[in-house]
Amino acid sequence: MAADPTFPRVTVHDLQHTAASLAVSAGANIKAVRRMLGHASAAMTLDVCADLFDDDLDAVATALNRGAVMSEGTEI
């Protein structure tokens, strides 16, 4: 920040949110992320990190479709 005054201030909360983002992006179980962050419930973790999932809806749909197709005995 001394070298570049436009560099944003990074807080512990920012680092915690980044850790949650990376964990969820890597496919971590939400209950494991909840425990890592020390939240009281997985719902709290999802409420805090809900914005993480907006761009992942296509990936969820693809994964569900792949599972449905494979359960029918057809390969994608």
Protein backbone atom coordinates (compact mmCIF):
# COMPACT_ATOMS: atom_id res chain seq x y z
CA MET A 1 0.00 0.00 0.00
CA ALA A 2 2.94 2.31 0.58
CA ALA A 3 4.13 1.75 -2.99
CA ASP A 4 0.65 1.97 -4.52
CA PRO A 5 -1.98 3.98 -2.63
CA THR A 6 -4.74 2.59 -4.91
CA PHE A 7 -4.06 -0.96 -3.68
CA PRO A 8 -7.09 -1.98 -1.59
CA ARG A 9 -6.76 -2.65 2.12
CA VAL A 10 -7.04 -6.40 2.81
CA THR A 11 -8.70 -7.45 6.06
CA VAL A 12 -8.78 -10.78 7.87
CA HIS A 13 -12.41 -11.08 6.76
CA ASP A 14 -11.31 -10.64 3.13
CA LEU A 15 -8.78 -13.44 3.54
CA GLN A 16 -11.41 -15.66 5.17
CA HIS A 17 -13.82 -15.01 2.30
CA THR A 18 -11.06 -15.81 -0.21
CA ALA A 19 -10.29 -19.07 1.61
CA ALA A 20 -13.98 -19.99 1.47
CA SER A 21 -14.12 -19.09 -2.24
CA LEU A 22 -11.13 -21.25 -3.07
CA ALA A 23 -12.42 -24.16 -0.96
CA VAL A 24 -15.87 -24.09 -2.55
CA SER A 25 -14.36 -23.71 -6.01
CA ALA A 26 -12.21 -26.77 -5.33
CA GLY A 27 -15.35 -28.75 -4.49
CA ALA A 28 -15.02 -28.81 -0.70
CA ASN A 29 -17.96 -30.04 1.32
CA ILE A 30 -19.86 -27.01 2.67
CA LYS A 31 -19.84 -28.53 6.17
CA ALA A 32 -16.06 -28.75 6.04
CA VAL A 33 -15.90 -25.10 4.94
CA ARG A 34 -18.29 -24.19 7.76
CA ARG A 35 -15.99 -25.83 10.27
CA MET A 36 -12.90 -24.22 8.73
CA LEU A 37 -14.47 -20.76 9.06
CA GLY A 38 -15.88 -21.39 12.53
CA HIS A 39 -19.44 -20.62 11.52
CA ALA A 40 -22.26 -21.88 13.72
CA SER A 41 -24.08 -23.50 10.79
CA ALA A 42 -23.64 -24.42 7.16
CA ALA A 43 -26.56 -22.08 6.45
CA MET A 44 -24.52 -19.20 7.82
CA THR A 45 -21.60 -20.18 5.58
CA LEU A 46 -23.90 -20.32 2.56
CA ASP A 47 -25.44 -16.95 3.47
CA VAL A 48 -22.00 -15.36 3.81
CA CYS A 49 -20.59 -17.03 0.69
CA ALA A 50 -23.75 -17.19 -1.44
CA ASP A 51 -22.26 -14.95 -4.11
CA LEU A 52 -19.69 -17.66 -4.79
CA PHE A 53 -22.26 -19.86 -6.48
CA ASP A 54 -23.71 -17.46 -9.05
CA ASP A 55 -21.21 -18.39 -11.78
CA ASP A 56 -21.28 -22.09 -10.97
CA LEU A 57 -24.90 -22.80 -11.93
CA ASP A 58 -23.93 -24.07 -15.39
CA ALA A 59 -21.38 -26.44 -13.84
CA VAL A 60 -24.03 -27.77 -11.44
CA ALA A 61 -26.48 -28.32 -14.29
CA THR A 62 -23.80 -30.09 -16.34
CA ALA A 63 -22.85 -32.34 -13.43
CA LEU A 64 -26.48 -33.22 -12.72
CA ASN A 65 -27.11 -33.94 -16.39
CA ARG A 66 -23.99 -36.10 -16.59
CA GLY A 67 -25.16 -38.07 -13.55
CA ALA A 68 -28.64 -38.54 -15.01
CA VAL A 69 -27.30 -39.67 -18.38
CA MET A 70 -24.81 -42.09 -16.79
CA SER A 71 -27.51 -43.57 -14.55
CA GLU A 72 -29.44 -44.39 -17.71
CA GLY A 73 -26.44 -46.41 -18.87
CA THR A 74 -25.43 -44.03 -21.64
CA GLU A 75 -22.06 -42.38 -21.80
CA ILE A 76 -21.62 -38.72 -22.64
